[in-house]
Amino acid sequence: MPGMEVYGAEERKEVNDVLETGALFRYGFDELRRGMWKTKEFETEVAKFTGAKYAHAVSSGSTAVATILTASGIGMGDEIIVPPFTFVAPIEAAFLAGALPVFAEIDETLCLSPEGIEEAITPNTKAVLLVHMLGAAADMDGIMEVCKKHNLILIEDAGQAMGAFWKGKSVGLFGKAGSFSFDYFKITTAGEGGVTITNDEEVYNTISQCSDHGHTHQGDNRGMEPHHVMGFNYRMSELSAAVGLAQMRKINTIREANRKNKAYLKSRLQEIAELTFRAKLDAEGDSAATLNFFLPSADLAEKVVAQFIDDSVPGVAYWFTNQYHFINQWEHIKNLSFPAKLGVHHFGAPQDYKNLELPKSQDVMSRMVSIGIRATWSETELKELGDKMVNGIKKILE
């Protein structure tokens, strides 16, 4: 993934700035920091890039989702529509908020479909927790129409989609608030970290307070500000923010390289008539973090993945069998194996998680193959990779 690929002198300079001052904490210590506020600068860079009015950095993409749920009023007993294909973090966040996740179908956008959301709505549905998977936006026109029709809160987990836009608007800005992950495997990384974005000042203020034990950050005496809400410690450190700051200044370069390299590989794969590609992709808004294509059957997809592995194709993923990204392997959720009692233990699960039927999602995931795009491939490496992929698929199809 590009974030870790391009780590270098710029990141070290920002980190050393923090180490030289000794002000590792994001708040206060004005006398130490010599005017340097890396977390604030990081938030400014994210807001500038996405076009958000407000950005707030937290400790991870997972805690970003959790904080947004809190700021959106999602809690005990609220039904919230979620996808079966996602890193498991937003599902965990929903459970830990006391909410009741309701799984809905995805389609070949790799995200929740408008039709899937519509079919999953009940009188108890309060929100949609939409995840923009694998670097690109969901079908925002259709999803916004459904949310508006049913007066549903839209929360966007764009953990994998920094740099993705839909018709010129950044993901994360269509609903109440959006979250990004800056862990080590993302297009821009802070090692660990997350950011929330929103255009709603009230939501922003609540996120800021809830992520820091309810501190309102008013005045210059940290222990004596007004205290209006409860929160927890989801703060980002100045060290993590320093890395994220340097990375955000590189995102346009990374994205441009991603898109060039993805376009080349996709053009090579278009030689193979049996393949289809991700649906409703906004090419201009694609962060190009991954190339995703579908085989005619699950059996062929499995064989292509095995061939790619044999041929040392980098970054190949078959998410259908992944332990952390697809519902088939989430035994802890199916069995409600949680260390503490949550909303489902009191209200009851809104679905039979053990025997859930999502045939469209199963079909899409079983036929999909993903390739992680690198920004640093040379032309020679790219051509060799294209040859391997095309020849490998043709070998399976023959």
Protein backbone atom coordinates (compact mmCIF):
# COMPACT_ATOMS: atom_id res chain seq x y z
CA MET A 1 0.00 0.00 0.00
CA PRO A 2 1.35 3.45 -0.91
CA GLY A 3 1.47 5.09 2.53
CA MET A 4 4.22 2.86 3.79
CA GLU A 5 5.83 2.81 0.34
CA VAL A 6 6.65 6.51 0.37
CA TYR A 7 7.70 6.98 3.99
CA GLY A 8 10.89 9.02 4.06
CA ALA A 9 12.64 12.24 4.98
CA GLU A 10 9.47 14.33 5.16
CA GLU A 11 7.92 12.11 7.82
CA ARG A 12 11.16 11.97 9.82
CA LYS A 13 11.41 15.76 9.78
CA GLU A 14 7.88 16.18 11.19
CA VAL A 15 8.47 13.54 13.87
CA ASN A 16 11.79 15.09 14.85
CA ASP A 17 10.06 18.45 15.25
CA VAL A 18 7.89 16.87 17.92
CA LEU A 19 10.73 15.00 19.60
CA GLU A 20 12.84 18.16 19.81
CA THR A 21 10.08 20.00 21.66
CA GLY A 22 9.02 17.12 23.90
CA ALA A 23 5.36 18.11 23.47
CA LEU A 24 3.96 14.68 22.58
CA PHE A 25 0.42 15.46 23.78
CA ARG A 26 -1.94 17.20 21.36
CA TYR A 27 -3.35 19.68 23.89
CA GLY A 28 -1.63 22.33 26.01
CA PHE A 29 2.07 22.56 26.88
CA ASP A 30 2.32 25.80 24.91
CA GLU A 31 5.63 26.66 26.54
CA LEU A 32 7.28 23.53 25.12
CA ARG A 33 5.97 23.25 21.61
CA ARG A 34 7.39 26.44 20.06
CA GLY A 35 4.22 27.09 18.11
CA MET A 36 4.08 23.58 16.60
CA TRP A 37 0.71 21.82 16.73
CA LYS A 38 1.08 18.78 14.48
CA THR A 39 -2.38 17.33 15.13
CA LYS A 40 -4.05 20.63 14.31
CA GLU A 41 -1.94 20.92 11.14
CA PHE A 42 -2.83 17.35 10.20
CA GLU A 43 -6.54 18.07 10.64
CA THR A 44 -6.18 21.21 8.52
CA GLU A 45 -4.56 19.21 5.70
CA VAL A 46 -7.34 16.60 5.77
CA ALA A 47 -10.04 19.29 5.78
CA LYS A 48 -8.36 21.13 2.91
CA PHE A 49 -8.01 17.99 0.79
CA THR A 50 -11.54 16.70 1.37
CA GLY A 51 -13.27 20.08 1.37
CA ALA A 52 -14.72 19.45 4.84
CA LYS A 53 -15.47 22.34 7.17
CA TYR A 54 -14.24 20.33 10.15
CA ALA A 55 -11.79 17.49 10.69
CA HIS A 56 -10.85 15.85 13.98
CA ALA A 57 -8.05 13.32 14.44
CA VAL A 58 -8.43 10.33 16.75
CA SER A 59 -6.48 7.21 17.68
CA SER A 60 -7.73 4.94 14.87
CA GLY A 61 -10.24 4.54 12.08
CA SER A 62 -12.18 2.23 14.39
CA THR A 63 -12.47 4.84 17.15
CA ALA A 64 -13.40 7.41 14.49
CA VAL A 65 -16.47 5.30 13.63
CA ALA A 66 -17.28 4.76 17.30
CA THR A 67 -17.08 8.48 18.03
CA ILE A 68 -19.32 9.36 15.07
CA LEU A 69 -21.93 6.85 16.24
CA THR A 70 -21.93 8.56 19.63
CA ALA A 71 -22.13 12.04 18.11
CA SER A 72 -25.01 10.89 15.88
CA GLY A 73 -27.04 9.67 18.82
CA ILE A 74 -26.78 6.00 17.90
CA GLY A 75 -27.08 3.81 20.99
CA MET A 76 -28.87 1.08 22.85
CA GLY A 77 -31.42 -0.78 20.77
CA ASP A 78 -31.10 1.30 17.60
CA GLU A 79 -31.15 -0.77 14.42
CA ILE A 80 -28.39 0.25 12.03
CA ILE A 81 -27.93 -1.18 8.53
CA VAL A 82 -24.40 -2.48 7.85
CA PRO A 83 -22.60 -4.36 5.05
CA PRO A 84 -21.37 -7.97 5.23
CA PHE A 85 -18.19 -6.99 3.37
CA THR A 86 -16.02 -4.65 5.42
CA PHE A 87 -13.16 -4.82 7.83
CA VAL A 88 -15.02 -5.90 10.96
CA ALA A 89 -14.34 -2.64 12.88
CA PRO A 90 -17.59 -0.76 12.05
CA ILE A 91 -19.63 -3.83 13.03
CA GLU A 92 -17.74 -3.96 16.33
CA ALA A 93 -18.35 -0.24 16.81
CA ALA A 94 -22.08 -0.69 16.29
CA PHE A 95 -22.25 -3.54 18.80
CA LEU A 96 -20.17 -1.64 21.36
CA ALA A 97 -22.51 1.33 21.04
CA GLY A 98 -25.35 -0.99 21.99
CA ALA A 99 -26.84 -0.75 18.49
CA LEU A 100 -28.33 -3.70 16.63
CA PRO A 101 -26.57 -4.34 13.30
CA VAL A 102 -28.79 -5.37 10.41
CA PHE A 103 -26.84 -6.83 7.49
CA ALA A 104 -27.93 -5.86 3.98
CA GLU A 105 -26.85 -6.88 0.49
CA ILE A 106 -23.91 -5.42 -1.40
CA ASP A 107 -23.62 -5.39 -5.19
CA GLU A 108 -20.78 -5.12 -7.69
CA THR A 109 -19.95 -1.65 -6.39
CA LEU A 110 -18.56 -3.75 -3.46
CA CYS A 111 -20.62 -1.57 -1.10
CA LEU A 112 -24.16 -1.57 0.23
CA SER A 113 -26.61 -1.22 -2.63
CA PRO A 114 -29.64 1.09 -2.55
CA GLU A 115 -31.84 -1.95 -3.14
CA GLY A 116 -30.14 -3.87 -0.33
CA ILE A 117 -30.67 -1.00 2.10
CA GLU A 118 -34.32 -0.65 1.06
CA GLU A 119 -34.99 -4.34 1.68
CA ALA A 120 -33.37 -4.25 5.13
CA ILE A 121 -35.33 -1.26 6.49
CA THR A 122 -37.75 -1.90 9.36
CA PRO A 123 -39.78 0.48 11.54
CA ASN A 124 -36.85 0.35 13.99
CA THR A 125 -34.13 1.38 11.51
CA LYS A 126 -32.38 4.56 12.60
CA ALA A 127 -29.22 4.75 10.48
CA VAL A 128 -27.14 3.35 7.65
CA LEU A 129 -23.48 2.71 8.35
CA LEU A 130 -22.08 2.78 4.83
CA VAL A 131 -18.56 1.50 4.17
CA HIS A 132 -16.73 2.69 1.04
CA MET A 133 -14.73 -0.44 0.28
CA LEU A 134 -11.35 -0.84 -1.38
CA GLY A 135 -10.63 2.76 -2.27
CA ALA A 136 -13.74 3.92 -4.13
CA ALA A 137 -17.15 5.43 -3.39
CA ALA A 138 -20.43 3.57 -3.15
CA ASP A 139 -23.42 4.45 -5.35
CA MET A 140 -24.09 7.71 -3.51
CA ASP A 141 -26.93 8.90 -5.75
CA GLY A 142 -29.02 5.82 -5.06
CA ILE A 143 -28.07 5.55 -1.38
CA MET A 144 -28.80 9.20 -0.63
CA GLU A 145 -32.21 8.83 -2.25
CA VAL A 146 -33.10 5.87 -0.01
CA CYS A 147 -31.83 7.60 3.16
CA LYS A 148 -33.78 10.74 2.36
CA LYS A 149 -36.93 8.80 1.55
CA HIS A 150 -36.86 6.99 4.90
CA ASN A 151 -35.34 9.81 6.97
CA LEU A 152 -32.32 7.70 7.94
CA ILE A 153 -29.07 8.99 9.41
CA LEU A 154 -26.17 8.25 7.04
CA ILE A 155 -22.77 7.57 8.58
CA GLU A 156 -19.83 6.93 6.26
CA ASP A 157 -16.89 4.69 7.08
CA ALA A 158 -14.33 5.69 4.47
CA GLY A 159 -11.50 3.94 6.28
CA GLN A 160 -10.21 2.44 3.03
CA ALA A 161 -11.17 5.35 0.81
CA MET A 162 -9.10 8.43 1.59
CA GLY A 163 -8.72 10.17 -1.75
CA ALA A 164 -12.02 8.88 -3.13
CA PHE A 165 -14.71 11.25 -4.43
CA TRP A 166 -18.19 10.87 -5.89
CA LYS A 167 -18.94 13.39 -8.64
CA GLY A 168 -16.44 15.83 -7.19
CA LYS A 169 -17.46 15.48 -3.53
CA SER A 170 -15.27 13.64 -1.04
CA VAL A 171 -16.55 10.50 0.57
CA GLY A 172 -17.40 11.20 4.20
CA LEU A 173 -19.31 14.39 3.41
CA PHE A 174 -22.61 12.95 2.22
CA GLY A 175 -24.00 12.02 5.61
CA LYS A 176 -23.81 13.13 9.23
CA ALA A 177 -20.04 12.56 9.34
CA GLY A 178 -17.35 10.38 7.80
CA SER A 179 -14.29 8.56 9.07
CA PHE A 180 -10.89 7.67 7.62
CA SER A 181 -8.24 5.23 8.78
CA PHE A 182 -4.55 6.07 8.80
CA ASP A 183 -3.23 2.67 9.85
CA TYR A 184 -0.11 1.24 8.27
CA PHE A 185 -1.84 -0.25 5.22
CA LYS A 186 -3.77 2.77 3.96
CA ILE A 187 -3.09 5.13 1.07
CA THR A 188 -1.78 7.64 3.63
CA THR A 189 -0.64 6.39 7.01
CA ALA A 190 0.16 7.65 10.48
CA GLY A 191 1.15 4.16 11.61
CA GLU A 192 -2.08 4.18 13.61
CA GLY A 193 -4.75 6.84 13.58
CA GLY A 194 -8.06 8.04 12.22
CA VAL A 195 -9.83 11.23 11.23
CA THR A 196 -13.48 12.26 11.27
CA ILE A 197 -14.83 14.87 8.88
CA THR A 198 -18.14 16.72 8.85
CA ASN A 199 -19.76 19.96 7.75
CA ASP A 200 -21.93 20.04 10.88
CA GLU A 201 -20.43 22.21 13.63
CA GLU A 202 -22.52 20.63 16.39
CA VAL A 203 -21.44 17.12 15.34
CA TYR A 204 -17.82 18.25 15.16
CA ASN A 205 -17.93 19.74 18.66
CA THR A 206 -19.48 16.57 20.05
CA ILE A 207 -16.83 14.42 18.35
CA SER A 208 -14.07 16.65 19.71
CA GLN A 209 -15.42 16.38 23.24
CA CYS A 210 -16.35 12.69 23.19
CA SER A 211 -12.89 11.71 21.96
CA ASP A 212 -11.27 13.43 24.95
CA HIS A 213 -13.28 12.49 28.05
CA GLY A 214 -15.75 15.29 27.43
CA HIS A 215 -13.20 18.12 27.55
CA THR A 216 -14.57 21.20 25.76
CA HIS A 217 -11.07 22.62 25.13
CA GLN A 218 -12.17 26.07 26.23
CA GLY A 219 -9.75 28.33 28.06
CA ASP A 220 -6.16 27.59 29.02
CA ASN A 221 -6.68 25.43 32.13
CA ARG A 222 -7.24 21.89 30.86
CA GLY A 223 -8.67 20.55 34.09
CA MET A 224 -11.14 23.37 34.60
CA GLU A 225 -13.09 23.76 31.32
CA PRO A 226 -16.84 23.18 31.20
CA HIS A 227 -17.74 19.48 31.00
CA HIS A 228 -21.02 18.89 29.14
CA VAL A 229 -20.85 15.29 27.92
CA MET A 230 -19.21 12.02 28.78
CA GLY A 231 -16.47 10.72 26.54
CA PHE A 232 -13.47 8.46 26.46
CA ASN A 233 -9.82 8.62 25.41
CA TYR A 234 -9.66 8.38 21.63
CA ARG A 235 -6.96 11.04 21.24
CA MET A 236 -4.24 11.02 18.60
CA SER A 237 -0.67 11.79 19.69
CA GLU A 238 1.50 14.47 18.14
CA LEU A 239 3.90 11.80 16.91
CA SER A 240 1.26 9.95 14.91
CA ALA A 241 -0.13 13.24 13.62
CA ALA A 242 3.34 14.30 12.48
CA VAL A 243 3.58 11.24 10.22
CA GLY A 244 0.03 11.74 8.95
CA LEU A 245 0.74 15.39 8.21
CA ALA A 246 3.69 14.56 5.97
CA GLN A 247 1.70 11.80 4.27
CA MET A 248 -1.29 14.02 3.51
CA ARG A 249 1.04 16.42 1.72
CA LYS A 250 1.91 13.53 -0.62
CA ILE A 251 -1.59 12.25 -1.30
CA ASN A 252 -2.08 13.89 -4.70
CA THR A 253 1.21 12.42 -5.92
CA ILE A 254 0.31 8.99 -4.56
CA ARG A 255 -3.18 9.12 -6.04
CA GLU A 256 -1.88 10.16 -9.45
CA ALA A 257 0.62 7.28 -9.51
CA ASN A 258 -2.05 4.83 -8.33
CA ARG A 259 -4.43 5.87 -11.06
CA LYS A 260 -1.79 5.60 -13.78
CA ASN A 261 -0.71 2.14 -12.64
CA LYS A 262 -4.27 0.89 -12.18
CA ALA A 263 -5.31 2.18 -15.60
CA TYR A 264 -2.47 0.26 -17.22
CA LEU A 265 -3.31 -3.02 -15.49
CA LYS A 266 -7.02 -2.63 -16.20
CA SER A 267 -6.29 -2.00 -19.87
CA ARG A 268 -4.31 -5.23 -19.98
CA LEU A 269 -7.08 -7.22 -18.31
CA GLN A 270 -9.65 -5.85 -20.73
CA GLU A 271 -8.06 -8.17 -23.28
CA ILE A 272 -9.97 -10.97 -21.50
CA ALA A 273 -13.63 -10.90 -22.48
CA GLU A 274 -14.77 -13.10 -19.61
CA LEU A 275 -13.82 -10.51 -16.96
CA THR A 276 -16.04 -7.74 -15.62
CA PHE A 277 -15.01 -4.88 -13.37
CA ARG A 278 -16.34 -3.00 -10.36
CA ALA A 279 -19.72 -1.42 -11.11
CA LYS A 280 -20.63 2.29 -11.02
CA LEU A 281 -17.04 3.33 -10.44
CA ASP A 282 -16.52 7.08 -10.62
CA ALA A 283 -13.22 6.94 -12.49
CA GLU A 284 -12.42 10.59 -11.81
CA GLY A 285 -13.06 10.09 -8.09
CA ASP A 286 -11.28 6.76 -7.68
CA SER A 287 -8.36 6.71 -5.25
CA ALA A 288 -7.19 3.69 -7.27
CA ALA A 289 -5.99 1.79 -4.20
CA THR A 290 -7.16 -1.53 -5.67
CA LEU A 291 -8.10 -3.14 -8.96
CA ASN A 292 -11.12 -5.41 -8.59
CA PHE A 293 -12.55 -7.77 -11.19
CA PHE A 294 -15.01 -10.64 -11.39
CA LEU A 295 -14.74 -14.09 -12.93
CA PRO A 296 -17.79 -15.91 -14.28
CA SER A 297 -17.80 -18.36 -11.32
CA ALA A 298 -16.41 -18.83 -7.83
CA ASP A 299 -14.44 -21.87 -8.97
CA LEU A 300 -12.63 -19.84 -11.61
CA ALA A 301 -11.94 -17.03 -9.16
CA GLU A 302 -10.34 -19.44 -6.70
CA LYS A 303 -8.19 -20.93 -9.44
CA VAL A 304 -7.06 -17.50 -10.66
CA VAL A 305 -6.08 -16.50 -7.12
CA ALA A 306 -4.10 -19.71 -6.70
CA GLN A 307 -2.38 -19.12 -10.06
CA PHE A 308 -1.53 -15.54 -9.09
CA ILE A 309 -0.01 -16.73 -5.82
CA ASP A 310 2.05 -19.34 -7.68
CA ASP A 311 3.23 -16.63 -10.07
CA SER A 312 4.13 -14.25 -7.20
CA VAL A 313 1.61 -11.59 -8.23
CA PRO A 314 1.84 -9.01 -5.40
CA GLY A 315 -1.14 -7.80 -3.41
CA VAL A 316 -3.63 -10.45 -4.55
CA ALA A 317 -6.64 -10.90 -2.27
CA TYR A 318 -9.62 -13.23 -2.27
CA TRP A 319 -11.84 -11.50 0.28
CA PHE A 320 -14.47 -14.24 0.20
CA THR A 321 -12.35 -16.37 2.55
CA ASN A 322 -10.71 -13.56 4.53
CA GLN A 323 -11.16 -13.92 8.30
CA TYR A 324 -11.68 -10.23 9.06
CA HIS A 325 -13.42 -8.76 6.00
CA PHE A 326 -16.38 -10.97 5.13
CA ILE A 327 -19.28 -12.22 7.20
CA ASN A 328 -18.75 -15.91 6.38
CA GLN A 329 -15.82 -16.06 8.80
CA TRP A 330 -17.27 -13.90 11.61
CA GLU A 331 -18.03 -16.74 14.00
CA HIS A 332 -17.69 -14.42 17.01
CA ILE A 333 -20.56 -12.31 15.66
CA LYS A 334 -22.71 -15.26 14.65
CA ASN A 335 -22.33 -16.71 18.14
CA LEU A 336 -22.50 -13.33 19.91
CA SER A 337 -19.16 -14.19 21.53
CA PHE A 338 -18.51 -10.91 23.30
CA PRO A 339 -16.71 -10.47 26.64
CA ALA A 340 -19.52 -8.24 27.95
CA LYS A 341 -23.27 -8.12 27.44
CA LEU A 342 -24.30 -5.72 24.68
CA GLY A 343 -27.52 -4.44 23.18
CA VAL A 344 -28.26 -7.69 21.38
CA HIS A 345 -28.21 -9.60 24.66
CA HIS A 346 -30.95 -7.33 26.00
CA PHE A 347 -33.07 -6.55 22.93
CA GLY A 348 -32.35 -9.70 20.93
CA ALA A 349 -30.59 -9.85 17.58
CA PRO A 350 -32.67 -8.34 14.75
CA GLN A 351 -31.50 -11.13 12.43
CA ASP A 352 -30.48 -14.75 12.79
CA TYR A 353 -26.78 -14.08 12.32
CA LYS A 354 -25.92 -17.80 12.20
CA ASN A 355 -28.25 -18.50 9.29
CA LEU A 356 -28.28 -15.16 7.51
CA GLU A 357 -29.01 -15.38 3.79
CA LEU A 358 -27.39 -12.76 1.56
CA PRO A 359 -27.23 -14.49 -1.83
CA LYS A 360 -26.25 -11.42 -3.86
CA SER A 361 -23.36 -10.64 -1.55
CA GLN A 362 -22.22 -14.27 -1.55
CA ASP A 363 -22.22 -14.33 -5.35
CA VAL A 364 -20.35 -11.04 -5.71
CA MET A 365 -17.69 -11.90 -3.15
CA SER A 366 -17.11 -15.46 -4.35
CA ARG A 367 -16.31 -14.28 -7.89
CA MET A 368 -14.15 -11.26 -7.06
CA VAL A 369 -10.37 -10.99 -7.20
CA SER A 370 -8.53 -7.91 -5.90
CA ILE A 371 -5.07 -6.56 -6.59
CA GLY A 372 -3.55 -3.90 -4.35
CA ILE A 373 -2.06 -1.08 -6.41
CA ARG A 374 1.39 0.27 -5.61
CA ALA A 375 2.41 3.82 -6.41
CA THR A 376 6.10 2.95 -6.76
CA TRP A 377 6.06 0.32 -9.50
CA SER A 378 8.50 1.00 -12.31
CA GLU A 379 7.38 0.69 -15.93
CA THR A 380 9.28 -2.59 -16.19
CA GLU A 381 7.66 -3.98 -13.05
CA LEU A 382 4.24 -2.90 -14.25
CA LYS A 383 4.64 -4.56 -17.64
CA GLU A 384 5.89 -7.78 -16.03
CA LEU A 385 2.95 -7.75 -13.67
CA GLY A 386 0.49 -7.19 -16.51
CA ASP A 387 1.99 -10.13 -18.40
CA LYS A 388 1.75 -12.38 -15.34
CA MET A 389 -1.87 -11.49 -14.69
CA VAL A 390 -3.07 -11.84 -18.28
CA ASN A 391 -1.16 -15.07 -18.88
CA GLY A 392 -2.29 -16.52 -15.55
CA ILE A 393 -5.96 -15.83 -16.20
CA LYS A 394 -5.79 -17.12 -19.76
CA LYS A 395 -4.17 -20.31 -18.49
CA ILE A 396 -7.11 -20.89 -16.14
CA LEU A 397 -9.73 -20.06 -18.73
CA GLU A 398 -8.28 -22.24 -21.48
